[in-house]
Full PDB file with SEQRES, HELIX, SHEET, SSBOND, CRYST1, ORIGX, SCALE, CONECT and MASTER records, all heavy atoms in Angstrom:
SEQRES   1 A   43  ILE ASP GLU THR PRO LYS ILE LEU LEU ILE PHE LEU SER          
SEQRES   2 A   43  CYS PHE ALA PRO LEU ALA LEU ALA ALA ARG SER GLY MET          
SEQRES   3 A   43  ARG SER ALA ALA GLN GLU GLN ILE ASN ALA ALA TYR SER          
SEQRES   4 A   43  MET GLY ALA SER                                              
HELIX    1 AA1 GLU A    3  GLY A   25  1                                  23    
HELIX    2 AA2 GLN A   31  SER A   39  1                                   9    
CRYST1    1.000    1.000    1.000  90.00  90.00  90.00 P 1           1          
ORIGX1      1.000000  0.000000  0.000000        0.00000                         
ORIGX2      0.000000  1.000000  0.000000        0.00000                         
ORIGX3      0.000000  0.000000  1.000000        0.00000                         
SCALE1      1.000000  0.000000  0.000000        0.00000                         
SCALE2      0.000000  1.000000  0.000000        0.00000                         
SCALE3      0.000000  0.000000  1.000000        0.00000                         
ATOM      1  N   ILE A   1      90.072 117.756  90.001  1.00  0.00           N  
ATOM      2  CA  ILE A   1      90.636 118.377  91.200  1.00  0.00           C  
ATOM      3  C   ILE A   1      90.546 117.446  92.411  1.00  0.00           C  
ATOM      4  O   ILE A   1      90.594 117.899  93.555  1.00  0.00           O  
ATOM      5  CB  ILE A   1      89.926 119.706  91.503  1.00  0.00           C  
ATOM      6  CG1 ILE A   1      88.414 119.483  91.678  1.00  0.00           C  
ATOM      7  CG2 ILE A   1      90.212 120.737  90.429  1.00  0.00           C  
ATOM      8  CD1 ILE A   1      87.669 120.722  92.111  1.00  0.00           C  
ATOM      9  N   ASP A   2      90.454 116.155  92.154  1.00  0.00           N  
ATOM     10  CA  ASP A   2      90.392 115.198  93.259  1.00  0.00           C  
ATOM     11  C   ASP A   2      91.818 114.893  93.744  1.00  0.00           C  
ATOM     12  O   ASP A   2      92.747 115.659  93.508  1.00  0.00           O  
ATOM     13  CB  ASP A   2      89.682 113.931  92.788  1.00  0.00           C  
ATOM     14  CG  ASP A   2      89.111 113.125  93.946  1.00  0.00           C  
ATOM     15  OD1 ASP A   2      89.278 113.576  95.098  1.00  0.00           O  
ATOM     16  OD2 ASP A   2      88.518 112.059  93.696  1.00  0.00           O  
ATOM     17  N   GLU A   3      92.015 113.785  94.413  1.00  0.00           N  
ATOM     18  CA  GLU A   3      93.331 113.410  94.916  1.00  0.00           C  
ATOM     19  C   GLU A   3      94.272 112.958  93.803  1.00  0.00           C  
ATOM     20  O   GLU A   3      95.496 112.998  93.966  1.00  0.00           O  
ATOM     21  CB  GLU A   3      93.200 112.288  95.953  1.00  0.00           C  
ATOM     22  CG  GLU A   3      92.652 112.731  97.288  1.00  0.00           C  
ATOM     23  CD  GLU A   3      93.588 113.702  97.999  1.00  0.00           C  
ATOM     24  OE1 GLU A   3      94.811 113.472  98.007  1.00  0.00           O  
ATOM     25  OE2 GLU A   3      93.087 114.710  98.530  1.00  0.00           O  
ATOM     26  N   THR A   4      93.710 112.519  92.675  1.00  0.00           N  
ATOM     27  CA  THR A   4      94.547 111.986  91.601  1.00  0.00           C  
ATOM     28  C   THR A   4      95.567 113.001  91.091  1.00  0.00           C  
ATOM     29  O   THR A   4      96.754 112.657  90.954  1.00  0.00           O  
ATOM     30  CB  THR A   4      93.673 111.483  90.449  1.00  0.00           C  
ATOM     31  OG1 THR A   4      92.778 110.480  90.940  1.00  0.00           O  
ATOM     32  CG2 THR A   4      94.528 110.901  89.340  1.00  0.00           C  
ATOM     33  N   PRO A   5      95.209 114.252  90.764  1.00  0.00           N  
ATOM     34  CA  PRO A   5      96.231 115.183  90.270  1.00  0.00           C  
ATOM     35  C   PRO A   5      97.300 115.506  91.304  1.00  0.00           C  
ATOM     36  O   PRO A   5      98.457 115.737  90.939  1.00  0.00           O  
ATOM     37  CB  PRO A   5      95.432 116.427  89.885  1.00  0.00           C  
ATOM     38  CG  PRO A   5      94.168 116.328  90.638  1.00  0.00           C  
ATOM     39  CD  PRO A   5      93.877 114.870  90.747  1.00  0.00           C  
ATOM     40  N   LYS A   6      96.959 115.530  92.579  1.00  0.00           N  
ATOM     41  CA  LYS A   6      97.957 115.799  93.613  1.00  0.00           C  
ATOM     42  C   LYS A   6      99.001 114.694  93.647  1.00  0.00           C  
ATOM     43  O   LYS A   6     100.215 114.951  93.644  1.00  0.00           O  
ATOM     44  CB  LYS A   6      97.280 115.931  94.979  1.00  0.00           C  
ATOM     45  CG  LYS A   6      96.193 116.992  95.050  1.00  0.00           C  
ATOM     46  CD  LYS A   6      95.526 116.981  96.412  1.00  0.00           C  
ATOM     47  CE  LYS A   6      94.383 117.965  96.506  1.00  0.00           C  
ATOM     48  NZ  LYS A   6      93.275 117.677  95.581  1.00  0.00           N  
ATOM     49  N   ILE A   7      98.524 113.445  93.679  1.00  0.00           N  
ATOM     50  CA  ILE A   7      99.451 112.314  93.715  1.00  0.00           C  
ATOM     51  C   ILE A   7     100.238 112.211  92.414  1.00  0.00           C  
ATOM     52  O   ILE A   7     101.438 111.903  92.417  1.00  0.00           O  
ATOM     53  CB  ILE A   7      98.674 111.015  94.003  1.00  0.00           C  
ATOM     54  CG1 ILE A   7      98.052 111.081  95.405  1.00  0.00           C  
ATOM     55  CG2 ILE A   7      99.567 109.800  93.877  1.00  0.00           C  
ATOM     56  CD1 ILE A   7      97.197 109.888  95.761  1.00  0.00           C  
ATOM     57  N   LEU A   8      99.588 112.488  91.287  1.00  0.00           N  
ATOM     58  CA  LEU A   8     100.269 112.403  89.996  1.00  0.00           C  
ATOM     59  C   LEU A   8     101.379 113.440  89.890  1.00  0.00           C  
ATOM     60  O   LEU A   8     102.458 113.155  89.342  1.00  0.00           O  
ATOM     61  CB  LEU A   8      99.260 112.588  88.862  1.00  0.00           C  
ATOM     62  CG  LEU A   8      99.822 112.510  87.440  1.00  0.00           C  
ATOM     63  CD1 LEU A   8     100.468 111.153  87.194  1.00  0.00           C  
ATOM     64  CD2 LEU A   8      98.725 112.775  86.418  1.00  0.00           C  
ATOM     65  N   LEU A   9     101.151 114.642  90.397  1.00  0.00           N  
ATOM     66  CA  LEU A   9     102.172 115.681  90.329  1.00  0.00           C  
ATOM     67  C   LEU A   9     103.406 115.289  91.143  1.00  0.00           C  
ATOM     68  O   LEU A   9     104.544 115.459  90.695  1.00  0.00           O  
ATOM     69  CB  LEU A   9     101.594 117.003  90.838  1.00  0.00           C  
ATOM     70  CG  LEU A   9     102.400 118.260  90.517  1.00  0.00           C  
ATOM     71  CD1 LEU A   9     102.412 118.519  89.022  1.00  0.00           C  
ATOM     72  CD2 LEU A   9     101.832 119.462  91.264  1.00  0.00           C  
ATOM     73  N   ILE A  10     103.185 114.748  92.334  1.00  0.00           N  
ATOM     74  CA  ILE A  10     104.312 114.291  93.154  1.00  0.00           C  
ATOM     75  C   ILE A  10     104.970 113.073  92.515  1.00  0.00           C  
ATOM     76  O   ILE A  10     106.194 112.914  92.553  1.00  0.00           O  
ATOM     77  CB  ILE A  10     103.834 113.988  94.583  1.00  0.00           C  
ATOM     78  CG1 ILE A  10     103.188 115.233  95.201  1.00  0.00           C  
ATOM     79  CG2 ILE A  10     104.987 113.523  95.450  1.00  0.00           C  
ATOM     80  CD1 ILE A  10     102.567 114.993  96.568  1.00  0.00           C  
ATOM     81  N   PHE A  11     104.156 112.210  91.915  1.00  0.00           N  
ATOM     82  CA  PHE A  11     104.682 111.028  91.216  1.00  0.00           C  
ATOM     83  C   PHE A  11     105.657 111.437  90.112  1.00  0.00           C  
ATOM     84  O   PHE A  11     106.750 110.866  89.987  1.00  0.00           O  
ATOM     85  CB  PHE A  11     103.517 110.223  90.642  1.00  0.00           C  
ATOM     86  CG  PHE A  11     103.921 109.121  89.707  1.00  0.00           C  
ATOM     87  CD1 PHE A  11     104.215 107.860  90.195  1.00  0.00           C  
ATOM     88  CD2 PHE A  11     103.984 109.343  88.340  1.00  0.00           C  
ATOM     89  CE1 PHE A  11     104.591 106.834  89.329  1.00  0.00           C  
ATOM     90  CE2 PHE A  11     104.351 108.336  87.474  1.00  0.00           C  
ATOM     91  CZ  PHE A  11     104.662 107.072  87.962  1.00  0.00           C  
ATOM     92  N   LEU A  12     105.287 112.428  89.320  1.00  0.00           N  
ATOM     93  CA  LEU A  12     106.152 112.855  88.225  1.00  0.00           C  
ATOM     94  C   LEU A  12     107.443 113.490  88.739  1.00  0.00           C  
ATOM     95  O   LEU A  12     108.500 113.347  88.119  1.00  0.00           O  
ATOM     96  CB  LEU A  12     105.398 113.845  87.329  1.00  0.00           C  
ATOM     97  CG  LEU A  12     104.237 113.260  86.521  1.00  0.00           C  
ATOM     98  CD1 LEU A  12     103.494 114.359  85.773  1.00  0.00           C  
ATOM     99  CD2 LEU A  12     104.741 112.194  85.556  1.00  0.00           C  
ATOM    100  N   SER A  13     107.378 114.186  89.864  1.00  0.00           N  
ATOM    101  CA  SER A  13     108.588 114.795  90.406  1.00  0.00           C  
ATOM    102  C   SER A  13     109.549 113.743  90.959  1.00  0.00           C  
ATOM    103  O   SER A  13     110.765 113.960  90.964  1.00  0.00           O  
ATOM    104  CB  SER A  13     108.224 115.798  91.500  1.00  0.00           C  
ATOM    105  OG  SER A  13     107.655 115.142  92.617  1.00  0.00           O  
ATOM    106  N   CYS A  14     109.019 112.604  91.420  1.00  0.00           N  
ATOM    107  CA  CYS A  14     109.871 111.530  91.947  1.00  0.00           C  
ATOM    108  C   CYS A  14     110.336 110.574  90.851  1.00  0.00           C  
ATOM    109  O   CYS A  14     111.355 109.886  91.021  1.00  0.00           O  
ATOM    110  CB  CYS A  14     109.128 110.731  93.018  1.00  0.00           C  
ATOM    111  SG  CYS A  14     108.651 111.664  94.483  1.00  0.00           S  
ATOM    112  N   PHE A  15     109.603 110.509  89.749  1.00  0.00           N  
ATOM    113  CA  PHE A  15     109.849 109.477  88.741  1.00  0.00           C  
ATOM    114  C   PHE A  15     111.199 109.650  88.051  1.00  0.00           C  
ATOM    115  O   PHE A  15     111.984 108.688  87.953  1.00  0.00           O  
ATOM    116  CB  PHE A  15     108.718 109.495  87.709  1.00  0.00           C  
ATOM    117  CG  PHE A  15     108.840 108.444  86.644  1.00  0.00           C  
ATOM    118  CD1 PHE A  15     108.329 107.176  86.861  1.00  0.00           C  
ATOM    119  CD2 PHE A  15     109.466 108.714  85.445  1.00  0.00           C  
ATOM    120  CE1 PHE A  15     108.438 106.202  85.890  1.00  0.00           C  
ATOM    121  CE2 PHE A  15     109.584 107.747  84.472  1.00  0.00           C  
ATOM    122  CZ  PHE A  15     109.069 106.483  84.687  1.00  0.00           C  
ATOM    123  N   ALA A  16     111.501 110.847  87.574  1.00  0.00           N  
ATOM    124  CA  ALA A  16     112.719 111.060  86.790  1.00  0.00           C  
ATOM    125  C   ALA A  16     113.994 110.776  87.589  1.00  0.00           C  
ATOM    126  O   ALA A  16     114.887 110.085  87.079  1.00  0.00           O  
ATOM    127  CB  ALA A  16     112.730 112.480  86.228  1.00  0.00           C  
ATOM    128  N   PRO A  17     114.157 111.277  88.827  1.00  0.00           N  
ATOM    129  CA  PRO A  17     115.386 110.941  89.569  1.00  0.00           C  
ATOM    130  C   PRO A  17     115.565 109.444  89.798  1.00  0.00           C  
ATOM    131  O   PRO A  17     116.689 108.929  89.713  1.00  0.00           O  
ATOM    132  CB  PRO A  17     115.219 111.696  90.891  1.00  0.00           C  
ATOM    133  CG  PRO A  17     114.253 112.775  90.609  1.00  0.00           C  
ATOM    134  CD  PRO A  17     113.325 112.227  89.579  1.00  0.00           C  
ATOM    135  N   LEU A  18     114.474 108.738  90.074  1.00  0.00           N  
ATOM    136  CA  LEU A  18     114.580 107.301  90.307  1.00  0.00           C  
ATOM    137  C   LEU A  18     114.985 106.564  89.031  1.00  0.00           C  
ATOM    138  O   LEU A  18     115.856 105.685  89.056  1.00  0.00           O  
ATOM    139  CB  LEU A  18     113.250 106.765  90.829  1.00  0.00           C  
ATOM    140  CG  LEU A  18     112.885 107.129  92.265  1.00  0.00           C  
ATOM    141  CD1 LEU A  18     111.437 106.757  92.563  1.00  0.00           C  
ATOM    142  CD2 LEU A  18     113.814 106.439  93.251  1.00  0.00           C  
ATOM    143  N   ALA A  19     114.364 106.905  87.910  1.00  0.00           N  
ATOM    144  CA  ALA A  19     114.675 106.218  86.654  1.00  0.00           C  
ATOM    145  C   ALA A  19     116.107 106.491  86.207  1.00  0.00           C  
ATOM    146  O   ALA A  19     116.835 105.574  85.801  1.00  0.00           O  
ATOM    147  CB  ALA A  19     113.684 106.652  85.571  1.00  0.00           C  
ATOM    148  N   LEU A  20     116.541 107.745  86.287  1.00  0.00           N  
ATOM    149  CA  LEU A  20     117.896 108.080  85.846  1.00  0.00           C  
ATOM    150  C   LEU A  20     118.948 107.495  86.781  1.00  0.00           C  
ATOM    151  O   LEU A  20     120.027 107.096  86.331  1.00  0.00           O  
ATOM    152  CB  LEU A  20     118.041 109.604  85.756  1.00  0.00           C  
ATOM    153  CG  LEU A  20     117.157 110.279  84.701  1.00  0.00           C  
ATOM    154  CD1 LEU A  20     117.386 111.783  84.697  1.00  0.00           C  
ATOM    155  CD2 LEU A  20     117.415 109.699  83.316  1.00  0.00           C  
ATOM    156  N   ALA A  21     118.660 107.436  88.073  1.00  0.00           N  
ATOM    157  CA  ALA A  21     119.613 106.832  89.007  1.00  0.00           C  
ATOM    158  C   ALA A  21     119.760 105.340  88.750  1.00  0.00           C  
ATOM    159  O   ALA A  21     120.873 104.791  88.788  1.00  0.00           O  
ATOM    160  CB  ALA A  21     119.167 107.091  90.444  1.00  0.00           C  
ATOM    161  N   ALA A  22     118.642 104.663  88.488  1.00  0.00           N  
ATOM    162  CA  ALA A  22     118.712 103.229  88.191  1.00  0.00           C  
ATOM    163  C   ALA A  22     119.451 102.980  86.884  1.00  0.00           C  
ATOM    164  O   ALA A  22     120.265 102.044  86.784  1.00  0.00           O  
ATOM    165  CB  ALA A  22     117.306 102.645  88.133  1.00  0.00           C  
ATOM    166  N   ARG A  23     119.206 103.812  85.884  1.00  0.00           N  
ATOM    167  CA  ARG A  23     119.909 103.647  84.605  1.00  0.00           C  
ATOM    168  C   ARG A  23     121.411 103.869  84.768  1.00  0.00           C  
ATOM    169  O   ARG A  23     122.233 103.118  84.234  1.00  0.00           O  
ATOM    170  CB  ARG A  23     119.356 104.629  83.575  1.00  0.00           C  
ATOM    171  CG  ARG A  23     119.924 104.416  82.181  1.00  0.00           C  
ATOM    172  CD  ARG A  23     119.546 105.542  81.246  1.00  0.00           C  
ATOM    173  NE  ARG A  23     120.216 106.787  81.600  1.00  0.00           N  
ATOM    174  CZ  ARG A  23     120.126 107.908  80.884  1.00  0.00           C  
ATOM    175  NH1 ARG A  23     119.368 107.935  79.797  1.00  0.00           N  
ATOM    176  NH2 ARG A  23     120.760 108.993  81.260  1.00  0.00           N  
ATOM    177  N   SER A  24     121.787 104.891  85.535  1.00  0.00           N  
ATOM    178  CA  SER A  24     123.208 105.152  85.760  1.00  0.00           C  
ATOM    179  C   SER A  24     123.862 104.054  86.581  1.00  0.00           C  
ATOM    180  O   SER A  24     125.020 103.686  86.347  1.00  0.00           O  
ATOM    181  CB  SER A  24     123.377 106.507  86.457  1.00  0.00           C  
ATOM    182  OG  SER A  24     124.715 106.752  86.780  1.00  0.00           O  
ATOM    183  N   GLY A  25     123.129 103.510  87.554  1.00  0.00           N  
ATOM    184  CA  GLY A  25     123.705 102.477  88.400  1.00  0.00           C  
ATOM    185  C   GLY A  25     123.967 101.170  87.676  1.00  0.00           C  
ATOM    186  O   GLY A  25     124.821 100.379  88.106  1.00  0.00           O  
ATOM    187  N   MET A  26     123.254 100.916  86.587  1.00  0.00           N  
ATOM    188  CA  MET A  26     123.456  99.668  85.864  1.00  0.00           C  
ATOM    189  C   MET A  26     124.833  99.584  85.219  1.00  0.00           C  
ATOM    190  O   MET A  26     125.265  98.512  84.807  1.00  0.00           O  
ATOM    191  CB  MET A  26     122.367  99.497  84.792  1.00  0.00           C  
ATOM    192  CG  MET A  26     120.962  99.387  85.348  1.00  0.00           C  
ATOM    193  SD  MET A  26     120.778  98.054  86.546  1.00  0.00           S  
ATOM    194  CE  MET A  26     120.866  96.642  85.462  1.00  0.00           C  
ATOM    195  N   ARG A  27     125.536 100.695  85.127  1.00  0.00           N  
ATOM    196  CA  ARG A  27     126.888 100.702  84.569  1.00  0.00           C  
ATOM    197  C   ARG A  27     127.961 100.670  85.652  1.00  0.00           C  
ATOM    198  O   ARG A  27     129.146 100.885  85.348  1.00  0.00           O  
ATOM    199  CB  ARG A  27     127.079 101.930  83.674  1.00  0.00           C  
ATOM    200  CG  ARG A  27     126.100 101.979  82.510  1.00  0.00           C  
ATOM    201  CD  ARG A  27     126.351 103.180  81.616  1.00  0.00           C  
ATOM    202  NE  ARG A  27     125.430 103.215  80.493  1.00  0.00           N  
ATOM    203  CZ  ARG A  27     125.609 102.578  79.346  1.00  0.00           C  
ATOM    204  NH1 ARG A  27     126.700 101.855  79.165  1.00  0.00           N  
ATOM    205  NH2 ARG A  27     124.732 102.669  78.377  1.00  0.00           N  
ATOM    206  N   SER A  28     127.566 100.460  86.897  1.00  0.00           N  
ATOM    207  CA  SER A  28     128.533 100.482  87.997  1.00  0.00           C  
ATOM    208  C   SER A  28     129.301  99.171  88.137  1.00  0.00           C  
ATOM    209  O   SER A  28     130.381  99.159  88.718  1.00  0.00           O  
ATOM    210  CB  SER A  28     127.816 100.798  89.319  1.00  0.00           C  
ATOM    211  OG  SER A  28     127.193 102.069  89.268  1.00  0.00           O  
ATOM    212  N   ALA A  29     128.749  98.090  87.659  1.00  0.00           N  
ATOM    213  CA  ALA A  29     129.435  96.801  87.769  1.00  0.00           C  
ATOM    214  C   ALA A  29     130.638  96.768  86.837  1.00  0.00           C  
ATOM    215  O   ALA A  29     130.554  97.167  85.668  1.00  0.00           O  
ATOM    216  CB  ALA A  29     128.478  95.665  87.446  1.00  0.00           C  
ATOM    217  N   ALA A  30     131.765  96.315  87.347  1.00  0.00           N  
ATOM    218  CA  ALA A  30     132.972  96.202  86.536  1.00  0.00           C  
ATOM    219  C   ALA A  30     132.831  95.065  85.529  1.00  0.00           C  
ATOM    220  O   ALA A  30     132.171  94.053  85.795  1.00  0.00           O  
ATOM    221  CB  ALA A  30     134.188  95.972  87.432  1.00  0.00           C  
ATOM    222  N   GLN A  31     133.475  95.241  84.388  1.00  0.00           N  
ATOM    223  CA  GLN A  31     133.402  94.217  83.350  1.00  0.00           C  
ATOM    224  C   GLN A  31     134.062  92.921  83.810  1.00  0.00           C  
ATOM    225  O   GLN A  31     133.630  91.825  83.411  1.00  0.00           O  
ATOM    226  CB  GLN A  31     134.083  94.722  82.075  1.00  0.00           C  
ATOM    227  CG  GLN A  31     133.872  93.832  80.861  1.00  0.00           C  
ATOM    228  CD  GLN A  31     132.403  93.723  80.458  1.00  0.00           C  
ATOM    229  OE1 GLN A  31     131.675  94.705  80.515  1.00  0.00           O  
ATOM    230  NE2 GLN A  31     131.979  92.526  80.063  1.00  0.00           N  
ATOM    231  N   GLU A  32     135.065  93.026  84.694  1.00  0.00           N  
ATOM    232  CA  GLU A  32     135.713  91.823  85.209  1.00  0.00           C  
ATOM    233  C   GLU A  32     134.738  90.996  86.048  1.00  0.00           C  
ATOM    234  O   GLU A  32     134.744  89.760  86.001  1.00  0.00           O  
ATOM    235  CB  GLU A  32     136.935  92.197  86.053  1.00  0.00           C  
ATOM    236  CG  GLU A  32     138.090  92.776  85.253  1.00  0.00           C  
ATOM    237  CD  GLU A  32     137.872  94.237  84.923  1.00  0.00           C  
ATOM    238  OE1 GLU A  32     136.865  94.809  85.419  1.00  0.00           O  
ATOM    239  OE2 GLU A  32     138.693  94.811  84.172  1.00  0.00           O  
ATOM    240  N   GLN A  33     133.885  91.669  86.826  1.00  0.00           N  
ATOM    241  CA  GLN A  33     132.896  90.950  87.622  1.00  0.00           C  
ATOM    242  C   GLN A  33     131.893  90.227  86.729  1.00  0.00           C  
ATOM    243  O   GLN A  33     131.518  89.078  86.993  1.00  0.00           O  
ATOM    244  CB  GLN A  33     132.171  91.920  88.555  1.00  0.00           C  
ATOM    245  CG  GLN A  33     133.056  92.556  89.617  1.00  0.00           C  
ATOM    246  CD  GLN A  33     132.311  93.606  90.415  1.00  0.00           C  
ATOM    247  OE1 GLN A  33     131.521  94.380  89.871  1.00  0.00           O  
ATOM    248  NE2 GLN A  33     132.564  93.641  91.716  1.00  0.00           N  
ATOM    249  N   ILE A  34     131.461  90.906  85.671  1.00  0.00           N  
ATOM    250  CA  ILE A  34     130.500  90.288  84.743  1.00  0.00           C  
ATOM    251  C   ILE A  34     131.127  89.079  84.052  1.00  0.00           C  
ATOM    252  O   ILE A  34     130.516  88.007  83.943  1.00  0.00           O  
ATOM    253  CB  ILE A  34     130.006  91.337  83.730  1.00  0.00           C  
ATOM    254  CG1 ILE A  34     129.289  92.481  84.453  1.00  0.00           C  
ATOM    255  CG2 ILE A  34     129.099  90.697  82.700  1.00  0.00           C  
ATOM    256  CD1 ILE A  34     128.861  93.616  83.549  1.00  0.00           C  
ATOM    257  N   ASN A  35     132.366  89.241  83.571  1.00  0.00           N  
ATOM    258  CA  ASN A  35     133.038  88.119  82.896  1.00  0.00           C  
ATOM    259  C   ASN A  35     133.282  86.961  83.852  1.00  0.00           C  
ATOM    260  O   ASN A  35     133.183  85.790  83.464  1.00  0.00           O  
ATOM    261  CB  ASN A  35     134.359  88.598  82.298  1.00  0.00           C  
ATOM    262  CG  ASN A  35     134.144  89.600  81.173  1.00  0.00           C  
ATOM    263  OD1 ASN A  35     133.090  89.606  80.535  1.00  0.00           O  
ATOM    264  ND2 ASN A  35     135.135  90.438  80.931  1.00  0.00           N  
ATOM    265  N   ALA A  36     133.607  87.284  85.120  1.00  0.00           N  
ATOM    266  CA  ALA A  36     133.824  86.209  86.091  1.00  0.00           C  
ATOM    267  C   ALA A  36     132.541  85.437  86.341  1.00  0.00           C  
ATOM    268  O   ALA A  36     132.555  84.198  86.463  1.00  0.00           O  
ATOM    269  CB  ALA A  36     134.349  86.802  87.402  1.00  0.00           C  
ATOM    270  N   ALA A  37     131.412  86.146  86.406  1.00  0.00           N  
ATOM    271  CA  ALA A  37     130.142  85.454  86.601  1.00  0.00           C  
ATOM    272  C   ALA A  37     129.803  84.576  85.400  1.00  0.00           C  
ATOM    273  O   ALA A  37     129.334  83.430  85.565  1.00  0.00           O  
ATOM    274  CB  ALA A  37     129.035  86.482  86.839  1.00  0.00           C  
ATOM    275  N   TYR A  38     130.057  85.077  84.192  1.00  0.00           N  
ATOM    276  CA  TYR A  38     129.804  84.259  83.006  1.00  0.00           C  
ATOM    277  C   TYR A  38     130.723  83.029  82.976  1.00  0.00           C  
ATOM    278  O   TYR A  38     130.307  81.932  82.561  1.00  0.00           O  
ATOM    279  CB  TYR A  38     130.006  85.091  81.743  1.00  0.00           C  
ATOM    280  CG  TYR A  38     128.820  85.952  81.372  1.00  0.00           C  
ATOM    281  CD1 TYR A  38     128.981  87.298  81.076  1.00  0.00           C  
ATOM    282  CD2 TYR A  38     127.538  85.410  81.291  1.00  0.00           C  
ATOM    283  CE1 TYR A  38     127.902  88.096  80.733  1.00  0.00           C  
ATOM    284  CE2 TYR A  38     126.455  86.187  80.951  1.00  0.00           C  
ATOM    285  CZ  TYR A  38     126.639  87.536  80.669  1.00  0.00           C  
ATOM    286  OH  TYR A  38     125.563  88.320  80.327  1.00  0.00           O  
ATOM    287  N   SER A  39     131.969  83.208  83.394  1.00  0.00           N  
ATOM    288  CA  SER A  39     132.918  82.091  83.355  1.00  0.00           C  
ATOM    289  C   SER A  39     132.547  80.993  84.346  1.00  0.00           C  
ATOM    290  O   SER A  39     132.934  79.838  84.166  1.00  0.00           O  
ATOM    291  CB  SER A  39     134.327  82.593  83.660  1.00  0.00           C  
ATOM    292  OG  SER A  39     134.405  83.092  84.985  1.00  0.00           O  
ATOM    293  N   MET A  40     131.792  81.359  85.389  1.00  0.00           N  
ATOM    294  CA  MET A  40     131.349  80.362  86.359  1.00  0.00           C  
ATOM    295  C   MET A  40     129.997  79.757  86.007  1.00  0.00           C  
ATOM    296  O   MET A  40     129.389  79.065  86.815  1.00  0.00           O  
ATOM    297  CB  MET A  40     131.298  80.977  87.758  1.00  0.00           C  
ATOM    298  CG  MET A  40     132.680  81.266  88.328  1.00  0.00           C  
ATOM    299  SD  MET A  40     132.650  81.836  90.064  1.00  0.00           S  
ATOM    300  CE  MET A  40     131.912  83.447  89.858  1.00  0.00           C  
ATOM    301  N   GLY A  41     129.518  80.063  84.802  1.00  0.00           N  
ATOM    302  CA  GLY A  41     128.308  79.423  84.322  1.00  0.00           C  
ATOM    303  C   GLY A  41     127.027  80.180  84.573  1.00  0.00           C  
ATOM    304  O   GLY A  41     125.940  79.611  84.409  1.00  0.00           O  
ATOM    305  N   ALA A  42     127.098  81.457  84.978  1.00  0.00           N  
ATOM    306  CA  ALA A  42     125.888  82.225  85.237  1.00  0.00           C  
ATOM    307  C   ALA A  42     125.200  82.581  83.931  1.00  0.00           C  
ATOM    308  O   ALA A  42     125.849  82.823  82.905  1.00  0.00           O  
ATOM    309  CB  ALA A  42     126.222  83.496  86.014  1.00  0.00           C  
ATOM    310  N   SER A  43     123.890  82.602  83.982  1.00  0.00           N  
ATOM    311  CA  SER A  43     123.117  83.007  82.810  1.00  0.00           C  
ATOM    312  C   SER A  43     123.004  84.533  82.753  1.00  0.00           C  
ATOM    313  O   SER A  43     123.460  85.246  83.653  1.00  0.00           O  
ATOM    314  CB  SER A  43     121.723  82.385  82.856  1.00  0.00           C  
ATOM    315  OG  SER A  43     120.994  82.882  83.979  1.00  0.00           O  
TER     316      SER A  43                                                      
MASTER        0    0    0    2    0    0    0    6  315    1    0    4          
END                                                                             
């Protein structure tokens, strides 16, 4: 019943929206942009 469960509960409520938003955002780049970067020698 110390501070750890309080912070952990809020942590879990914030964790899922952040992870799912980052996962969804990784598909926002157009394939043409990715191919153009590869064609210019990007790793």
